[in-house]
Protein backbone atom coordinates (compact mmCIF):
# COMPACT_ATOMS: atom_id res chain seq x y z
CA MET A 1 0.00 0.00 0.00
CA ASN A 2 1.46 3.34 -1.04
CA ALA A 3 1.20 6.79 0.53
CA ALA A 4 -1.69 7.81 -1.73
CA ASP A 5 -3.71 4.75 -0.68
CA ILE A 6 -3.10 5.54 2.97
CA SER A 7 -4.11 9.17 2.45
CA ASN A 8 -7.33 8.03 0.76
CA ILE A 9 -8.16 5.73 3.67
CA LEU A 10 -7.72 8.50 6.19
CA SER A 11 -9.76 10.91 4.07
CA ALA A 12 -12.63 8.41 3.92
CA GLN A 13 -12.42 7.87 7.68
CA ARG A 14 -12.54 11.60 8.33
CA THR A 15 -15.71 11.87 6.28
CA TYR A 16 -17.26 8.86 8.01
CA PHE A 17 -16.45 10.20 11.46
CA ALA A 18 -17.77 13.66 10.59
CA ASP A 19 -21.11 12.10 9.68
CA GLY A 20 -21.49 11.12 13.35
CA ALA A 21 -22.20 7.40 12.99
CA THR A 22 -19.64 6.37 15.61
CA LEU A 23 -21.04 8.73 18.24
CA ASP A 24 -24.06 6.53 18.92
CA VAL A 25 -23.34 4.28 21.90
CA ASP A 26 -25.60 1.51 20.61
CA PHE A 27 -23.60 1.49 17.37
CA ARG A 28 -20.35 1.11 19.32
CA ILE A 29 -21.72 -1.83 21.28
CA ARG A 30 -22.94 -3.52 18.12
CA MET A 31 -19.48 -3.17 16.62
CA LEU A 32 -17.84 -4.62 19.73
CA LYS A 33 -20.23 -7.57 19.68
CA LYS A 34 -19.53 -8.09 15.99
CA LEU A 35 -15.79 -8.16 16.64
CA LYS A 36 -16.22 -10.58 19.54
CA ALA A 37 -18.25 -12.96 17.39
CA ALA A 38 -15.60 -12.87 14.67
CA ILE A 39 -12.80 -13.62 17.11
CA LEU A 40 -14.73 -16.56 18.54
CA ALA A 41 -15.30 -17.85 15.01
CA HIS A 42 -11.58 -17.54 14.20
CA GLU A 43 -10.20 -18.86 17.50
CA ALA A 44 -8.48 -21.85 15.87
CA ASP A 45 -7.05 -19.63 13.12
CA ILE A 46 -5.61 -17.26 15.73
CA ALA A 47 -3.87 -20.13 17.51
CA GLN A 48 -2.41 -21.39 14.23
CA ALA A 49 -1.14 -17.92 13.29
CA LEU A 50 0.50 -17.42 16.69
CA GLU A 51 2.13 -20.83 16.41
CA ALA A 52 3.46 -19.93 12.97
CA ASP A 53 4.95 -16.59 14.07
CA LEU A 54 6.11 -17.35 17.61
CA GLY A 55 5.74 -21.08 18.16
CA LYS A 56 3.11 -20.50 20.85
CA ALA A 57 1.18 -23.45 22.21
CA ALA A 58 -2.59 -23.25 21.71
CA PHE A 59 -3.27 -23.00 25.46
CA GLU A 60 -0.78 -20.16 25.88
CA SER A 61 -2.26 -18.39 22.85
CA TYR A 62 -5.69 -18.43 24.43
CA MET A 63 -4.52 -17.61 27.96
CA CYS A 64 -2.25 -14.73 26.96
CA GLU A 65 -3.87 -13.34 23.83
CA THR A 66 -7.26 -14.50 22.54
CA GLY A 67 -8.88 -14.97 25.94
CA MET A 68 -7.65 -11.61 27.19
CA VAL A 69 -9.07 -9.85 24.12
CA LEU A 70 -12.41 -11.57 24.64
CA SER A 71 -12.35 -10.53 28.29
CA GLU A 72 -11.67 -6.90 27.35
CA LEU A 73 -14.48 -7.03 24.79
CA SER A 74 -16.95 -8.39 27.35
CA TYR A 75 -15.94 -5.69 29.82
CA MET A 76 -16.26 -2.85 27.33
CA ILE A 77 -19.59 -4.12 25.99
CA ALA A 78 -20.94 -4.05 29.53
CA HIS A 79 -19.42 -0.72 30.58
CA THR A 80 -19.37 1.49 27.48
CA PRO A 81 -22.78 3.09 28.18
CA LYS A 82 -21.55 4.17 31.62
CA PHE A 83 -18.15 5.35 30.35
CA ALA A 84 -19.73 7.36 27.51
CA ALA A 85 -22.33 9.08 29.64
CA LYS A 86 -21.86 12.70 30.62
CA ARG A 87 -21.08 13.22 34.30
CA VAL A 88 -22.55 16.14 36.21
CA VAL A 89 -20.10 17.88 38.56
CA HIS A 90 -20.42 20.58 41.19
CA THR A 91 -20.96 24.12 39.91
CA PRO A 92 -19.37 26.96 41.91
CA LEU A 93 -21.85 29.33 43.53
CA ALA A 94 -20.31 32.20 41.57
CA GLN A 95 -21.64 30.59 38.37
CA PHE A 96 -25.23 30.30 39.58
CA ALA A 97 -27.52 29.40 37.86
CA ALA A 98 -25.85 26.73 35.78
CA LYS A 99 -25.14 23.03 35.41
CA SER A 100 -21.62 21.75 34.84
CA TYR A 101 -20.77 18.41 33.31
CA LYS A 102 -18.00 16.41 31.68
CA HIS A 103 -18.74 14.95 28.27
CA PRO A 104 -16.41 12.23 26.86
CA SER A 105 -15.91 12.64 23.12
CA PRO A 106 -13.90 10.48 20.72
CA TYR A 107 -10.68 11.93 19.38
CA GLY A 108 -11.74 11.03 15.85
CA ASN A 109 -9.38 9.27 13.46
CA VAL A 110 -6.78 7.24 15.37
CA LEU A 111 -3.73 5.22 14.39
CA ILE A 112 -2.89 2.02 16.28
CA MET A 113 0.62 0.63 15.72
CA SER A 114 1.16 -2.78 17.34
CA PRO A 115 4.21 -4.98 18.03
CA TRP A 116 5.12 -8.55 17.19
CA ASN A 117 5.54 -10.16 20.61
CA TYR A 118 1.83 -10.38 21.45
CA PRO A 119 0.63 -9.49 17.98
CA PHE A 120 -3.04 -10.35 18.41
CA LEU A 121 -3.56 -9.06 21.95
CA LEU A 122 -1.67 -5.80 21.48
CA THR A 123 -3.48 -5.05 18.25
CA MET A 124 -7.00 -5.89 19.33
CA ASP A 125 -6.99 -4.58 22.90
CA PRO A 126 -6.36 -0.93 21.97
CA LEU A 127 -8.74 -1.29 19.03
CA VAL A 128 -11.47 -2.44 21.42
CA ASN A 129 -10.89 0.69 23.52
CA ALA A 130 -10.86 2.91 20.42
CA ILE A 131 -14.17 1.49 19.18
CA SER A 132 -15.72 1.80 22.62
CA ALA A 133 -14.73 5.46 22.74
CA GLY A 134 -16.33 6.11 19.32
CA ASN A 135 -13.34 6.54 17.00
CA THR A 136 -12.48 5.33 13.55
CA ALA A 137 -9.14 3.51 13.38
CA VAL A 138 -6.27 2.63 11.10
CA VAL A 139 -4.52 -0.47 12.42
CA LYS A 140 -0.89 -1.16 11.57
CA PRO A 141 0.23 -4.64 12.76
CA SER A 142 3.87 -5.63 12.82
CA ALA A 143 5.66 -6.93 9.73
CA TYR A 144 7.64 -9.28 12.00
CA SER A 145 4.52 -11.38 12.70
CA PRO A 146 3.15 -11.87 9.17
CA ALA A 147 0.75 -14.73 9.90
CA VAL A 148 -1.04 -12.84 12.66
CA SER A 149 -0.97 -9.60 10.67
CA ALA A 150 -2.66 -11.29 7.72
CA LEU A 151 -5.29 -12.81 10.01
CA VAL A 152 -5.93 -9.47 11.73
CA GLU A 153 -6.51 -7.93 8.31
CA ARG A 154 -8.88 -10.76 7.41
CA ILE A 155 -10.91 -10.54 10.62
CA LEU A 156 -11.21 -6.77 10.61
CA SER A 157 -12.12 -6.60 6.93
CA GLU A 158 -14.87 -9.15 7.59
CA CYS A 159 -16.23 -7.03 10.44
CA PHE A 160 -15.84 -3.44 9.30
CA GLN A 161 -15.78 -1.21 6.26
CA PRO A 162 -12.39 0.49 5.72
CA GLU A 163 -13.88 3.93 6.27
CA TYR A 164 -14.52 2.77 9.85
CA VAL A 165 -11.64 0.38 10.64
CA ALA A 166 -8.86 -0.23 8.14
CA VAL A 167 -5.71 -2.35 8.27
CA VAL A 168 -2.43 -1.32 6.69
CA THR A 169 0.17 -4.07 6.49
CA GLY A 170 3.79 -3.75 5.45
CA GLY A 171 7.06 -2.52 6.90
CA ARG A 172 9.02 0.67 7.34
CA ALA A 173 7.75 2.38 4.20
CA GLU A 174 4.15 1.96 5.33
CA ASN A 175 5.03 3.08 8.87
CA ALA A 176 6.64 6.23 7.51
CA ALA A 177 3.69 6.96 5.24
CA LEU A 178 1.27 6.57 8.12
CA LEU A 179 3.26 8.90 10.34
CA ASP A 180 3.18 11.51 7.57
CA GLN A 181 -0.58 11.70 8.05
CA ASP A 182 -2.38 14.00 10.45
CA PHE A 183 -4.21 11.64 12.82
CA ASP A 184 -6.12 12.78 15.88
CA LEU A 185 -4.33 10.29 18.16
CA ILE A 186 -1.50 7.78 17.77
CA PHE A 187 -1.34 4.68 19.95
CA PHE A 188 2.00 2.90 19.70
CA THR A 189 3.32 -0.24 21.37
CA GLY A 190 6.94 -1.20 20.78
CA SER A 191 10.55 -0.37 21.52
CA GLN A 192 11.83 2.82 23.08
CA SER A 193 13.88 3.70 20.00
CA VAL A 194 10.90 3.47 17.65
CA GLY A 195 8.68 5.15 20.24
CA LYS A 196 10.93 8.21 20.17
CA GLU A 197 10.56 8.43 16.40
CA VAL A 198 6.78 8.04 16.64
CA LEU A 199 6.59 10.83 19.22
CA ARG A 200 8.82 13.07 17.12
CA ARG A 201 6.65 12.56 14.06
CA ALA A 202 3.46 13.05 16.09
CA ALA A 203 4.81 16.36 17.38
CA GLU A 204 5.03 17.67 13.81
CA HIS A 205 1.21 17.60 13.72
CA LEU A 206 0.71 18.32 17.44
CA THR A 207 -0.91 14.89 17.61
CA PRO A 208 -1.31 13.38 21.09
CA ALA A 209 0.28 9.97 21.52
CA VAL A 210 0.01 7.03 23.88
CA LEU A 211 3.30 5.12 24.04
CA GLU A 212 3.53 1.64 25.54
CA LEU A 213 7.25 0.86 25.61
CA GLY A 214 9.40 -1.30 27.88
CA GLY A 215 12.63 -1.27 29.82
CA LYS A 216 14.56 -3.38 32.29
CA SER A 217 11.93 -4.40 34.83
CA PRO A 218 13.54 -5.49 38.11
CA CYS A 219 12.40 -8.42 40.22
CA ILE A 220 13.46 -7.82 43.82
CA VAL A 221 13.64 -10.74 46.24
CA ASP A 222 14.43 -10.09 49.89
CA GLU A 223 15.43 -12.53 52.61
CA THR A 224 11.85 -12.82 53.95
CA ALA A 225 10.39 -14.05 50.65
CA ASN A 226 8.74 -17.41 50.17
CA LEU A 227 11.54 -18.62 47.92
CA PRO A 228 9.95 -21.75 46.38
CA LEU A 229 6.85 -19.78 45.39
CA ALA A 230 8.94 -16.83 44.25
CA ALA A 231 11.00 -19.08 42.00
CA ARG A 232 7.89 -20.64 40.49
CA ARG A 233 6.26 -17.30 39.73
CA ILE A 234 9.47 -15.71 38.45
CA VAL A 235 10.01 -18.59 36.02
CA PHE A 236 6.42 -18.26 34.81
CA GLY A 237 6.68 -14.52 34.22
CA LYS A 238 10.17 -14.53 32.77
CA PHE A 239 10.00 -17.38 30.30
CA ILE A 240 6.44 -17.26 29.01
CA ASN A 241 6.53 -16.41 25.29
CA CYS A 242 10.28 -17.12 25.50
CA GLY A 243 10.81 -13.97 27.53
CA GLN A 244 9.45 -11.78 24.74
CA THR A 245 7.12 -9.91 27.07
CA CYS A 246 7.42 -6.19 27.75
CA VAL A 247 6.66 -6.68 31.46
CA ALA A 248 8.74 -9.82 31.95
CA PRO A 249 11.15 -9.66 34.91
CA ASP A 250 14.29 -8.48 33.13
CA TYR A 251 16.60 -9.44 35.98
CA VAL A 252 16.48 -10.67 39.57
CA LEU A 253 17.94 -8.51 42.31
CA CYS A 254 18.03 -10.59 45.48
CA HIS A 255 19.57 -10.40 48.93
CA GLU A 256 22.98 -12.01 48.92
CA ALA A 257 22.01 -14.32 51.77
CA VAL A 258 19.33 -16.07 49.68
CA LYS A 259 20.92 -15.89 46.24
CA ASP A 260 22.23 -19.46 46.12
CA ASP A 261 18.97 -20.91 47.39
CA LEU A 262 16.92 -18.85 44.95
CA ALA A 263 19.14 -19.76 41.99
CA ALA A 264 18.81 -23.46 42.82
CA LEU A 265 15.03 -23.16 43.09
CA VAL A 266 14.78 -21.24 39.81
CA LYS A 267 16.73 -23.99 38.04
CA LYS A 268 14.47 -26.61 39.62
CA GLU A 269 11.37 -24.71 38.50
CA ILE A 270 12.65 -24.40 34.94
CA CYS A 271 13.04 -28.15 34.82
CA ARG A 272 9.59 -28.67 36.30
CA GLN A 273 7.83 -26.23 33.96
CA TYR A 274 9.87 -26.78 30.79
CA GLY A 275 11.43 -30.21 31.26
CA GLN A 276 15.05 -31.30 31.06
CA THR A 277 15.24 -30.63 27.31
CA PRO A 278 13.02 -27.61 26.52
CA LEU A 279 14.17 -27.38 22.91
CA ALA A 280 12.80 -30.88 22.28
CA ASP A 281 9.31 -29.81 23.39
CA PRO A 282 7.17 -28.98 20.34
CA SER A 283 5.10 -26.57 22.46
CA TYR A 284 8.14 -24.47 23.39
CA GLY A 285 8.20 -21.22 21.44
CA LYS A 286 10.84 -19.43 19.44
CA ILE A 287 12.51 -16.08 19.06
CA ILE A 288 10.70 -13.97 16.49
CA ASN A 289 13.54 -13.82 13.93
CA GLU A 290 17.26 -14.32 13.37
CA LYS A 291 18.12 -10.71 14.16
CA HIS A 292 16.76 -10.98 17.69
CA PHE A 293 18.03 -14.55 18.09
CA PHE A 294 21.65 -13.59 17.46
CA ARG A 295 21.29 -10.43 19.56
CA LEU A 296 20.25 -12.62 22.49
CA CYS A 297 23.04 -15.09 21.87
CA ARG A 298 25.54 -12.27 22.24
CA LEU A 299 24.13 -11.44 25.67
CA MET A 300 24.78 -14.91 27.07
CA ASP A 301 28.18 -15.18 28.78
CA PRO A 302 29.11 -18.89 28.85
CA ALA A 303 31.27 -18.29 31.92
CA LYS A 304 28.23 -17.03 33.84
CA THR A 305 25.62 -19.42 32.45
CA VAL A 306 24.56 -21.72 35.30
CA HIS A 307 21.50 -23.22 33.64
CA GLY A 308 20.31 -23.59 30.05
CA GLY A 309 22.27 -21.87 27.33
CA GLN A 310 21.31 -24.35 24.62
CA VAL A 311 20.34 -22.83 21.28
CA ASP A 312 18.92 -24.02 17.98
CA PRO A 313 19.76 -21.50 15.23
CA ALA A 314 17.70 -23.37 12.67
CA ARG A 315 14.52 -22.80 14.67
CA CYS A 316 15.60 -19.58 16.42
CA GLN A 317 15.20 -21.21 19.82
CA ILE A 318 17.01 -20.52 23.09
CA ALA A 319 16.44 -22.65 26.17
CA PRO A 320 15.46 -20.91 29.44
CA THR A 321 18.81 -19.63 30.67
CA VAL A 322 20.04 -18.40 34.05
CA LEU A 323 23.14 -16.21 34.46
CA ASP A 324 24.82 -15.90 37.86
CA GLY A 325 27.65 -13.68 39.02
CA VAL A 326 26.36 -10.90 36.79
CA THR A 327 27.49 -7.31 37.34
CA TRP A 328 25.83 -4.07 36.34
CA ASP A 329 28.54 -3.58 33.69
CA ASP A 330 27.87 -6.83 31.83
CA PRO A 331 26.38 -6.54 28.31
CA VAL A 332 23.19 -8.27 29.44
CA MET A 333 22.54 -5.36 31.82
CA GLN A 334 22.97 -2.63 29.20
CA GLU A 335 19.73 -3.22 27.29
CA GLU A 336 16.30 -4.72 27.69
CA ILE A 337 16.80 -8.46 27.27
CA PHE A 338 13.42 -9.41 25.75
CA GLY A 339 14.30 -13.08 25.66
CA PRO A 340 14.65 -16.22 27.84
CA ILE A 341 17.76 -15.06 29.72
CA LEU A 342 17.55 -14.35 33.46
CA PRO A 343 20.51 -12.60 35.13
CA ILE A 344 20.74 -12.78 38.92
CA LEU A 345 22.34 -9.91 40.80
CA THR A 346 22.58 -9.31 44.55
CA TYR A 347 22.37 -6.55 47.12
CA ARG A 348 23.54 -6.46 50.72
CA ASP A 349 21.33 -3.86 52.40
CA PHE A 350 17.76 -3.18 51.36
CA GLU A 351 18.36 0.57 51.24
CA GLU A 352 20.58 -0.09 48.21
CA ILE A 353 17.41 -0.92 46.26
CA TYR A 354 16.28 2.68 46.14
CA GLU A 355 19.59 3.99 44.85
CA LEU A 356 19.98 1.19 42.31
CA THR A 357 16.51 1.74 40.84
CA ALA A 358 16.64 5.54 40.99
CA ARG A 359 19.79 5.78 38.87
CA ARG A 360 18.23 3.77 36.03
CA PRO A 361 15.41 4.61 33.62
CA ASP A 362 11.90 4.08 34.98
CA PRO A 363 10.90 0.48 34.18
CA LEU A 364 7.56 -0.59 32.80
CA ALA A 365 7.14 -3.00 35.72
CA LEU A 366 8.62 -3.76 39.12
CA TYR A 367 8.16 -6.93 41.14
CA LEU A 368 8.85 -7.42 44.82
CA PHE A 369 8.88 -10.74 46.65
CA SER A 370 8.77 -10.07 50.36
CA GLU A 371 6.78 -10.74 53.51
CA ASN A 372 7.93 -7.45 55.07
CA LYS A 373 4.93 -5.09 54.96
CA GLU A 374 7.01 -1.98 55.63
CA ARG A 375 9.32 -2.75 52.71
CA ILE A 376 6.33 -3.38 50.47
CA ARG A 377 4.84 0.01 51.38
CA SER A 378 8.17 1.74 50.95
CA VAL A 379 9.04 0.24 47.55
CA THR A 380 5.64 0.93 46.04
CA ALA A 381 5.81 4.53 47.30
CA ARG A 382 9.43 5.44 46.60
CA CYS A 383 10.27 3.62 43.37
CA SER A 384 9.06 4.92 40.01
CA PHE A 385 7.64 2.30 37.64
CA GLY A 386 4.63 1.73 35.42
CA GLY A 387 2.94 -1.02 37.42
CA GLY A 388 3.79 -4.31 39.03
CA CYS A 389 3.06 -7.04 41.52
CA ILE A 390 3.84 -7.98 45.10
CA ASN A 391 4.81 -11.65 45.33
CA ASP A 392 3.96 -12.36 41.70
CA THR A 393 4.88 -11.31 38.17
CA ILE A 394 3.13 -9.88 35.07
CA ILE A 395 -0.47 -10.60 36.14
CA HIS A 396 -1.21 -6.93 36.87
CA LEU A 397 -1.84 -6.38 33.16
CA ALA A 398 -4.50 -9.12 33.01
CA THR A 399 -7.43 -7.06 34.27
CA SER A 400 -9.76 -4.49 32.79
CA GLU A 401 -10.23 -2.87 36.20
CA MET A 402 -6.76 -1.28 36.22
CA GLY A 403 -4.94 0.76 33.63
CA PHE A 404 -1.75 -0.57 32.10
CA GLY A 405 1.06 1.74 31.02
CA GLY A 406 4.53 3.05 31.64
CA VAL A 407 6.15 6.13 33.09
CA GLY A 408 9.14 8.14 31.89
CA GLY A 409 11.20 6.09 29.47
CA SER A 410 8.82 3.14 29.68
CA GLY A 411 5.92 5.00 28.15
CA MET A 412 3.16 7.54 28.58
CA GLY A 413 -0.56 7.03 28.97
CA SER A 414 -2.38 3.83 29.88
CA TYR A 415 -5.20 1.66 28.65
CA HIS A 416 -7.47 -1.31 29.52
CA GLY A 417 -11.03 -0.81 30.69
CA LYS A 418 -11.98 2.71 31.79
CA GLU A 419 -8.40 3.95 31.29
CA GLY A 420 -8.53 2.60 27.73
CA PHE A 421 -11.78 4.40 27.04
CA ASP A 422 -10.29 7.59 28.46
CA ALA A 423 -7.08 7.18 26.43
CA PHE A 424 -9.09 7.35 23.21
CA SER A 425 -11.40 10.13 24.43
CA HIS A 426 -11.21 13.85 24.99
CA THR A 427 -13.35 14.92 27.93
CA LYS A 428 -15.11 18.20 27.22
CA SER A 429 -15.84 20.39 30.23
CA ILE A 430 -19.15 22.15 29.66
CA VAL A 431 -21.12 24.72 31.64
CA ASP A 432 -24.81 24.97 30.75
CA LYS A 433 -25.72 28.46 31.94
CA LYS A 434 -29.38 29.25 32.53
CA THR A 435 -31.01 32.33 31.03
CA TRP A 436 -33.66 33.04 33.64
CA MET A 437 -31.14 34.71 35.94
CA ASP A 438 -27.91 36.66 35.39
CA LEU A 439 -25.77 37.77 38.33
CA PRO A 440 -24.40 41.27 37.52
CA MET A 441 -21.27 41.22 39.65
CA ARG A 442 -18.84 40.20 36.85
CA TYR A 443 -19.79 43.07 34.57
CA ARG A 444 -18.38 46.58 34.39
CA PRO A 445 -18.62 49.08 35.89
CA TYR A 446 -17.32 47.30 39.00
CA GLN A 447 -19.08 48.12 42.25
CA PRO A 448 -17.81 47.78 45.87
CA LEU A 449 -20.65 45.40 46.66
CA HIS A 450 -19.76 43.26 43.66
CA GLU A 451 -16.14 43.01 44.85
CA LYS A 452 -17.31 41.90 48.29
CA LEU A 453 -19.49 39.23 46.73
CA VAL A 454 -16.68 37.99 44.48
CA ARG A 455 -14.34 37.77 47.46
CA LEU A 456 -17.02 35.88 49.36
CA PHE A 457 -17.52 33.35 46.55
CA LEU A 458 -13.84 32.91 45.57
CA ARG A 459 -12.11 31.83 48.72
């Protein structure tokens, strides 16, 4: 698709939105129900596409992608009327007689750019929020996950006319052409480097942007933690989707007194969850492409590999790997890993945690395993991060009741549920002033009595 085609799509969507069809809440709910029915009808196709692109097992595909999209759809179908309703707020006495209210309005024509690691979930979830809020949308799935991208295009073209929801596939040329356009909102999920370019291009049109990025999310384990359970939940969160999860624990930072015990338990859990030979398991996934496979291989120091390390270049597979004796200067600690490699670092005094996290970019997630309530309160208050869990990993994103997003270098804005509706909406603040009465105190010529009244009201 060339730049002219993309411009024509956006022009048609502007006309369609201007006609007001998407403003009707019943219309939005019908569209959400239509999308849900299509996803249910294509459930097997979605699993096959995810297996083709990422080697995902069917159960993992449903648990981590399809099922979560269906859950978000059910939630938004049930709650959109409430979210879209105007909300009356208090009117100051100085504005008597009037009614004040907040009125959510769709931004209009939005662009959704999605990544390859959860290509179905991270395409459909923001689209669900955009539809709920009453927008039209251009969806740009990742070129790195071609099977899912083709299926997304198929599903959405079955459900919607392109003047309402359109899909643009392709690579960098299509991305550049899209960013040349003047959208009303851009929603981007991906790497920090590409996110910076998206934000720069959005600024040329003064277009607001929601950026869901990543970073090195720490997993802190203190000496009071339930170590066997911590190991089990860390292994789950780190190695699901072969570590290609934006909120995966990037590294473990544990008290030096429990490091050896935790490392042993992590190795035991890897064997329990993935078997002795993970690469022989047909349900074990793969790295998305050779570029990322060889990047990850370069991050594995054989001298510090205490578990795993096996690779299969032909299938772009890397076994769950644990690195011990890692320092902050090692290559694996200089970038987001985004793969099945878990470095273990230590601290001596818990107060070190605050300095170590403060000197690094704000992570998308932070995890703390501890039974010490004061430490839990302190970490959640003092450390800056997008979201996280106490005594678990990654599950904070699996709910429509809480927003999901980053802070600082890990992103801006959030979505899911009400926060997702708000992300794709502009809330108009409106005062409906009555005509049967008009207080004269704001008008010239100013009078001493009027000043007294203003001072009475505005304090």
